[in-house]
Amino acid sequence: MAEFLSAARQSLDVAIYDLAPSGPAADTLRSAFQAAAGRGVRVRLVFNQEPPRRSKPLPPPGFVDWDWLKALGVPFQPISGEPDLMHHKYVVRDAATPEAAVWTGSTNWTTDSWTREENVIVRLAEPVIAAAYAANFEELLQRRSVQGSGQEEPEWRQPQPDLRLRAFFTPGRAQELVHEIAERLALAQRRIRICSPVLTSGPVLASLAETIDRQGPDIAGCFDETQMDEVRHQWGSQPQSAWKLGLWAQISSAVPWGAKRSQPYAPGSLHDFMHAKCTVADDTVFVGSFNLSHSGEANAENVLQIEHGPTADAFAGYIDEVRARYPWTPQAVETPGRASRDLR
């Protein structure tokens, strides 16, 4: 990451949810930011900020190390995370140049993210895609709010004959994104692979259930068992979401899932979640900050849709590795409980 930052010549725009590095990693990143600012690079940073929560948080709240942030010596702006999260984890480098590049994925800037969690990172050098990320950053910076952001048109780019890609941003393009993912799952002929901490999106669940019924592609994936248990409690306690219990029972019993039993969140606890967020449907990949969740549709999120066989092979292989790490046997649906954050 420091190497990516150090290559900047004109600008660095950072949108990040968790911002609390520690130890040598914190020192390395601080030095990279300070060096960039010192050579005249315009550096700007936005991050999620929420008021303290009164009850058990799900998902865990964002964290910011204010001392580290202020020591960078660069302009920064908190973005309100209420009621919906500023959940991005991206950097746009030199957006207005032919060398523009984007760093994105599921990875927060914390030591636990880098050492205890499963995560994915994509680095992309494509000026038009970088321009879309830069426009999204300007929206957040000007609005200082998640609401109304993510309006950028998801336009296809084809930098190589065998490679097409485009970027989706939410909440503005949430419905387009979710239905595109659901449609790709429904049309898949060979394989579907999923890594997502939770699966709660109605269109995605329905599409998976229909795909299982037609006995089509090979389907497998991995999720975070601790967080999905909370989701199931919530579904059972909310009549408008209870219908998802049956879908999940069907999907969880028919698909060979892996499930990581992570440590439940508590103040000061380590974070070892299965945090990767990527979906493969044949030779198409969806990857970014977006969980396959209902609540994610209202957050500020970004997703790259990539059509490229070798990239899809790499992601499918990674997902299979994660799944094999956490073998799982489906459990009966538990009795309703309570969860404080809406993951429906």
Protein backbone atom coordinates (compact mmCIF):
# COMPACT_ATOMS: atom_id res chain seq x y z
CA MET A 1 0.00 0.00 0.00
CA ALA A 2 2.82 2.40 0.82
CA GLU A 3 4.35 1.65 -2.58
CA PHE A 4 1.01 2.45 -4.25
CA LEU A 5 0.78 5.76 -2.35
CA SER A 6 4.40 6.61 -3.08
CA ALA A 7 3.81 6.43 -6.84
CA ALA A 8 1.42 9.42 -6.70
CA ARG A 9 2.50 12.52 -8.60
CA GLN A 10 -0.58 14.75 -8.45
CA SER A 11 -3.33 13.48 -6.14
CA LEU A 12 -4.40 10.87 -3.60
CA ASP A 13 -8.07 10.63 -2.60
CA VAL A 14 -8.83 8.10 0.16
CA ALA A 15 -12.27 6.86 1.31
CA ILE A 16 -11.99 4.40 4.20
CA TYR A 17 -14.31 2.86 6.79
CA ASP A 18 -11.91 1.61 9.49
CA LEU A 19 -8.77 3.71 9.90
CA ALA A 20 -6.69 2.49 12.83
CA PRO A 21 -3.34 1.01 11.77
CA SER A 22 -0.79 0.22 14.45
CA GLY A 23 2.87 -0.68 14.89
CA PRO A 24 5.31 -0.65 11.96
CA ALA A 25 2.46 -0.64 9.42
CA ALA A 26 1.13 2.63 10.86
CA ASP A 27 4.61 4.16 10.65
CA THR A 28 5.09 3.00 7.07
CA LEU A 29 1.78 4.45 5.89
CA ARG A 30 2.30 7.70 7.79
CA SER A 31 5.67 8.15 6.11
CA ALA A 32 4.16 7.48 2.67
CA PHE A 33 1.42 10.08 3.19
CA GLN A 34 3.79 12.68 4.57
CA ALA A 35 6.25 12.12 1.73
CA ALA A 36 3.48 12.51 -0.85
CA ALA A 37 2.28 15.75 0.71
CA GLY A 38 5.88 16.94 0.94
CA ARG A 39 6.43 16.59 -2.81
CA GLY A 40 3.27 18.54 -3.62
CA VAL A 41 0.72 15.75 -4.04
CA ARG A 42 -2.82 16.85 -3.11
CA VAL A 43 -3.92 14.38 -0.41
CA ARG A 44 -7.51 14.22 0.84
CA LEU A 45 -9.17 11.65 3.08
CA VAL A 46 -12.75 10.87 4.11
CA PHE A 47 -13.84 8.27 6.65
CA ASN A 48 -16.92 6.91 8.37
CA GLN A 49 -17.97 8.57 11.61
CA GLU A 50 -20.82 7.34 13.82
CA PRO A 51 -22.05 8.40 17.25
CA PRO A 52 -21.61 5.82 20.03
CA ARG A 53 -24.15 3.02 19.87
CA ARG A 54 -26.24 2.09 22.89
CA SER A 55 -26.62 -1.58 22.08
CA LYS A 56 -24.60 -4.43 20.64
CA PRO A 57 -23.40 -3.34 17.19
CA LEU A 58 -23.83 -5.51 14.13
CA PRO A 59 -21.85 -5.04 12.03
CA PRO A 60 -19.16 -3.63 14.33
CA PRO A 61 -18.78 0.14 14.18
CA GLY A 62 -16.00 1.84 12.28
CA PHE A 63 -12.87 2.86 14.15
CA VAL A 64 -10.60 5.85 13.63
CA ASP A 65 -7.28 6.46 15.35
CA TRP A 66 -7.52 10.23 15.66
CA ASP A 67 -3.94 10.70 16.82
CA TRP A 68 -2.60 8.81 13.81
CA LEU A 69 -4.96 10.63 11.46
CA LYS A 70 -3.97 14.08 12.70
CA ALA A 71 -0.27 13.16 12.53
CA LEU A 72 -0.59 12.65 8.76
CA GLY A 73 -0.86 16.40 8.31
CA VAL A 74 -3.31 16.10 5.38
CA PRO A 75 -6.88 17.39 4.94
CA PHE A 76 -9.57 14.99 6.16
CA GLN A 77 -13.34 15.01 6.47
CA PRO A 78 -15.62 12.68 8.48
CA ILE A 79 -18.68 11.38 6.63
CA SER A 80 -21.78 10.71 8.69
CA GLY A 81 -22.35 6.99 9.17
CA GLU A 82 -25.89 7.48 10.44
CA PRO A 83 -28.21 5.97 9.51
CA ASP A 84 -26.14 4.28 6.77
CA LEU A 85 -22.43 3.57 6.65
CA MET A 86 -19.66 5.16 4.61
CA HIS A 87 -18.27 1.70 3.99
CA HIS A 88 -15.75 2.30 1.16
CA LYS A 89 -12.13 1.15 1.27
CA TYR A 90 -10.53 2.76 -1.79
CA VAL A 91 -7.74 5.06 -2.93
CA VAL A 92 -7.75 6.99 -6.20
CA ARG A 93 -4.27 7.95 -7.40
CA ASP A 94 -3.58 10.72 -9.94
CA ALA A 95 -7.20 10.69 -11.13
CA ALA A 96 -6.81 13.36 -13.81
CA THR A 97 -3.87 11.72 -15.59
CA PRO A 98 -3.37 8.82 -18.05
CA GLU A 99 -1.60 6.97 -15.21
CA ALA A 100 -4.68 7.06 -12.95
CA ALA A 101 -5.12 4.00 -10.73
CA VAL A 102 -7.48 2.67 -8.06
CA TRP A 103 -6.84 0.53 -4.96
CA THR A 104 -10.06 -1.06 -3.70
CA GLY A 105 -11.57 -4.22 -2.21
CA SER A 106 -12.81 -5.37 1.19
CA THR A 107 -9.81 -4.46 3.33
CA ASN A 108 -9.96 -1.83 6.06
CA TRP A 109 -6.82 -0.12 7.31
CA THR A 110 -6.36 -1.96 10.59
CA THR A 111 -3.90 -4.52 11.85
CA ASP A 112 -6.66 -7.09 12.35
CA SER A 113 -7.79 -6.58 8.75
CA TRP A 114 -4.29 -7.33 7.50
CA THR A 115 -3.45 -10.20 9.83
CA ARG A 116 -6.61 -11.92 11.15
CA GLU A 117 -9.30 -11.53 8.49
CA GLU A 118 -9.84 -12.93 5.03
CA ASN A 119 -9.90 -9.97 2.64
CA VAL A 120 -9.37 -9.13 -1.02
CA ILE A 121 -7.59 -6.22 -2.71
CA VAL A 122 -7.79 -5.10 -6.34
CA ARG A 123 -5.37 -2.66 -7.93
CA LEU A 124 -6.52 -1.28 -11.27
CA ALA A 125 -4.81 1.12 -13.69
CA GLU A 126 -7.65 2.37 -15.90
CA PRO A 127 -8.26 6.12 -16.23
CA VAL A 128 -12.01 6.04 -16.95
CA ILE A 129 -12.74 3.74 -14.02
CA ALA A 130 -10.49 5.90 -11.82
CA ALA A 131 -12.47 8.96 -12.94
CA ALA A 132 -15.69 7.31 -11.72
CA TYR A 133 -14.10 6.69 -8.32
CA ALA A 134 -12.86 10.28 -8.24
CA ALA A 135 -16.38 11.55 -8.97
CA ASN A 136 -17.74 9.39 -6.15
CA PHE A 137 -15.12 10.81 -3.79
CA GLU A 138 -16.12 14.37 -4.70
CA GLU A 139 -19.77 13.53 -3.97
CA LEU A 140 -18.89 12.31 -0.50
CA LEU A 141 -16.60 15.24 0.19
CA GLN A 142 -19.18 17.82 -0.86
CA ARG A 143 -22.23 16.18 0.70
CA ARG A 144 -20.51 14.97 3.88
CA SER A 145 -23.20 12.33 3.90
CA VAL A 146 -23.87 8.90 2.42
CA GLN A 147 -27.36 9.88 1.26
CA GLY A 148 -27.48 10.86 -2.40
CA SER A 149 -24.02 9.53 -3.22
CA GLY A 150 -23.20 6.79 -5.70
CA GLN A 151 -24.90 8.29 -8.76
CA GLU A 152 -22.05 7.49 -11.18
CA GLU A 153 -23.15 5.62 -14.31
CA PRO A 154 -21.71 2.07 -14.42
CA GLU A 155 -20.20 2.34 -17.91
CA TRP A 156 -18.38 -0.61 -19.48
CA ARG A 157 -14.69 -0.28 -20.35
CA GLN A 158 -12.75 -2.76 -22.46
CA PRO A 159 -9.01 -2.11 -22.04
CA GLN A 160 -8.15 -5.52 -23.54
CA PRO A 161 -9.98 -7.76 -26.04
CA ASP A 162 -10.71 -10.36 -23.35
CA LEU A 163 -11.36 -7.93 -20.48
CA ARG A 164 -14.41 -5.78 -19.72
CA LEU A 165 -15.11 -3.99 -16.47
CA ARG A 166 -17.24 -1.32 -14.87
CA ALA A 167 -17.75 0.21 -11.42
CA PHE A 168 -20.98 0.35 -9.39
CA PHE A 169 -21.51 2.70 -6.46
CA THR A 170 -24.24 2.64 -3.85
CA PRO A 171 -26.65 3.80 -2.62
CA GLY A 172 -27.30 5.55 -5.95
CA ARG A 173 -26.87 2.42 -8.11
CA ALA A 174 -27.76 -0.18 -5.49
CA GLN A 175 -30.77 -1.65 -7.28
CA GLU A 176 -28.87 -1.95 -10.56
CA LEU A 177 -25.98 -3.65 -8.79
CA VAL A 178 -28.05 -6.16 -6.82
CA HIS A 179 -30.14 -7.15 -9.82
CA GLU A 180 -27.04 -7.46 -12.01
CA ILE A 181 -25.49 -9.85 -9.47
CA ALA A 182 -28.75 -11.81 -9.17
CA GLU A 183 -29.08 -12.05 -12.96
CA ARG A 184 -25.50 -13.25 -13.41
CA LEU A 185 -26.10 -15.94 -10.79
CA ALA A 186 -29.29 -16.99 -12.55
CA LEU A 187 -27.54 -17.21 -15.94
CA ALA A 188 -24.41 -19.00 -14.72
CA GLN A 189 -23.77 -22.30 -16.49
CA ARG A 190 -20.51 -23.62 -15.02
CA ARG A 191 -19.74 -22.19 -11.60
CA ILE A 192 -20.81 -19.85 -8.82
CA ARG A 193 -18.46 -18.94 -5.99
CA ILE A 194 -19.31 -16.56 -3.15
CA CYS A 195 -17.41 -15.03 -0.26
CA SER A 196 -19.50 -12.65 1.84
CA PRO A 197 -19.67 -12.17 5.62
CA VAL A 198 -23.47 -12.30 5.37
CA LEU A 199 -25.98 -13.16 2.63
CA THR A 200 -29.23 -11.26 3.17
CA SER A 201 -30.07 -9.65 -0.18
CA GLY A 202 -33.51 -10.88 -1.26
CA PRO A 203 -32.77 -10.93 -5.03
CA VAL A 204 -29.49 -12.77 -4.46
CA LEU A 205 -31.05 -15.36 -2.15
CA ALA A 206 -33.93 -15.93 -4.57
CA SER A 207 -31.60 -16.26 -7.53
CA LEU A 208 -29.43 -18.78 -5.70
CA ALA A 209 -32.48 -20.82 -4.70
CA GLU A 210 -33.74 -20.92 -8.29
CA THR A 211 -30.30 -21.88 -9.59
CA ILE A 212 -30.13 -24.75 -7.10
CA ASP A 213 -33.57 -25.92 -8.26
CA ARG A 214 -32.48 -26.16 -11.88
CA GLN A 215 -29.37 -28.12 -10.87
CA GLY A 216 -27.17 -25.95 -13.03
CA PRO A 217 -23.68 -24.72 -12.17
CA ASP A 218 -21.31 -25.90 -9.46
CA ILE A 219 -22.01 -23.66 -6.43
CA ALA A 220 -19.87 -23.16 -3.33
CA GLY A 221 -18.79 -20.39 -1.00
CA CYS A 222 -17.98 -19.11 2.47
CA PHE A 223 -19.55 -16.75 5.00
CA ASP A 224 -19.03 -15.63 8.60
CA GLU A 225 -21.00 -18.03 10.80
CA THR A 226 -21.14 -15.73 13.83
CA GLN A 227 -22.66 -12.89 11.81
CA MET A 228 -25.07 -15.15 9.92
CA ASP A 229 -26.33 -16.53 13.24
CA GLU A 230 -27.18 -12.98 14.25
CA VAL A 231 -28.92 -12.46 10.91
CA ARG A 232 -31.04 -15.57 11.36
CA HIS A 233 -32.10 -14.39 14.81
CA GLN A 234 -33.10 -11.09 13.27
CA TRP A 235 -35.07 -12.68 10.45
CA GLY A 236 -36.99 -14.78 12.96
CA SER A 237 -37.91 -11.77 15.06
CA GLN A 238 -39.04 -9.51 12.20
CA PRO A 239 -42.16 -10.65 10.29
CA GLN A 240 -41.22 -8.72 7.15
CA SER A 241 -37.98 -10.71 6.87
CA ALA A 242 -39.05 -14.14 8.15
CA TRP A 243 -39.56 -15.44 4.58
CA LYS A 244 -35.77 -15.42 4.13
CA LEU A 245 -35.36 -18.17 6.73
CA GLY A 246 -36.82 -20.74 4.36
CA LEU A 247 -34.66 -19.57 1.47
CA TRP A 248 -31.54 -19.71 3.61
CA ALA A 249 -32.43 -23.19 4.88
CA GLN A 250 -32.72 -24.37 1.29
CA ILE A 251 -29.52 -22.68 0.14
CA SER A 252 -27.42 -23.62 3.17
CA SER A 253 -28.38 -27.30 2.97
CA ALA A 254 -27.87 -27.65 -0.79
CA VAL A 255 -24.56 -25.79 -1.21
CA PRO A 256 -21.15 -26.85 0.19
CA TRP A 257 -20.41 -23.78 2.30
CA GLY A 258 -17.51 -22.93 4.50
CA ALA A 259 -18.33 -20.86 7.59
CA LYS A 260 -15.88 -19.11 9.88
CA ARG A 261 -16.78 -19.03 13.56
CA SER A 262 -15.33 -15.59 14.26
CA GLN A 263 -15.11 -13.94 17.65
CA PRO A 264 -18.26 -11.96 18.43
CA TYR A 265 -17.71 -8.24 18.51
CA ALA A 266 -17.08 -6.60 21.88
CA PRO A 267 -15.33 -3.32 22.68
CA GLY A 268 -11.61 -3.95 22.56
CA SER A 269 -11.95 -7.44 21.05
CA LEU A 270 -9.92 -8.66 18.13
CA HIS A 271 -11.61 -8.72 14.74
CA ASP A 272 -11.10 -12.02 12.93
CA PHE A 273 -14.16 -11.99 10.67
CA MET A 274 -14.40 -13.72 7.30
CA HIS A 275 -14.46 -10.34 5.63
CA ALA A 276 -13.81 -11.01 1.93
CA LYS A 277 -16.54 -9.79 -0.44
CA CYS A 278 -16.38 -11.35 -3.88
CA THR A 279 -18.72 -13.30 -6.17
CA VAL A 280 -17.88 -15.34 -9.27
CA ALA A 281 -20.47 -16.33 -11.90
CA ASP A 282 -18.77 -18.23 -14.74
CA ASP A 283 -16.12 -15.72 -15.93
CA THR A 284 -17.60 -12.65 -14.21
CA VAL A 285 -16.33 -11.33 -10.86
CA PHE A 286 -17.99 -8.83 -8.52
CA VAL A 287 -15.54 -7.50 -5.93
CA GLY A 288 -15.42 -4.52 -3.60
CA SER A 289 -16.69 -3.32 -0.23
CA PHE A 290 -20.27 -4.58 -0.66
CA ASN A 291 -21.63 -7.47 1.40
CA LEU A 292 -24.42 -9.40 -0.32
CA SER A 293 -26.76 -7.74 2.15
CA HIS A 294 -29.99 -5.78 2.21
CA SER A 295 -28.50 -3.10 4.46
CA GLY A 296 -25.48 -2.71 2.17
CA GLU A 297 -27.76 -1.31 -0.50
CA ALA A 298 -28.22 1.84 1.60
CA ASN A 299 -24.54 2.19 2.49
CA ALA A 300 -21.88 3.98 0.47
CA GLU A 301 -20.19 1.02 -1.26
CA ASN A 302 -18.25 0.28 -4.43
CA VAL A 303 -18.06 -2.85 -6.57
CA LEU A 304 -16.02 -3.68 -9.66
CA GLN A 305 -17.68 -5.99 -12.17
CA ILE A 306 -14.90 -7.73 -14.08
CA GLU A 307 -15.42 -10.02 -17.07
CA HIS A 308 -12.13 -11.87 -17.53
CA GLY A 309 -11.56 -15.62 -17.39
CA PRO A 310 -8.14 -15.64 -15.67
CA THR A 311 -9.31 -13.15 -13.02
CA ALA A 312 -12.44 -15.22 -12.37
CA ASP A 313 -10.26 -18.34 -12.08
CA ALA A 314 -8.07 -16.60 -9.50
CA PHE A 315 -11.04 -15.48 -7.40
CA ALA A 316 -12.74 -18.87 -7.62
CA GLY A 317 -9.54 -20.52 -6.45
CA TYR A 318 -9.24 -18.12 -3.54
CA ILE A 319 -12.85 -18.70 -2.49
CA ASP A 320 -12.34 -22.46 -2.59
CA GLU A 321 -9.26 -22.07 -0.36
CA VAL A 322 -11.23 -20.03 2.19
CA ARG A 323 -14.12 -22.49 2.13
CA ALA A 324 -11.78 -25.43 2.72
CA ARG A 325 -10.29 -23.60 5.71
CA TYR A 326 -13.64 -23.48 7.53
CA PRO A 327 -15.66 -26.68 6.92
CA TRP A 328 -19.27 -26.30 7.99
CA THR A 329 -22.36 -28.42 8.54
CA PRO A 330 -25.78 -26.70 8.29
CA GLN A 331 -27.63 -26.20 11.56
CA ALA A 332 -31.36 -26.05 12.16
CA VAL A 333 -32.85 -22.56 12.16
CA GLU A 334 -32.59 -21.16 15.66
CA THR A 335 -35.28 -19.47 17.68
CA PRO A 336 -35.70 -15.73 17.23
CA GLY A 337 -33.37 -13.47 19.12
CA ARG A 338 -32.38 -9.85 18.90
CA ALA A 339 -29.86 -7.93 16.84
CA SER A 340 -29.54 -4.20 16.98
CA ARG A 341 -28.32 -3.36 13.49
CA ASP A 342 -30.51 -4.00 10.47
CA LEU A 343 -28.85 -6.60 8.23
CA ARG A 344 -32.05 -7.80 6.57
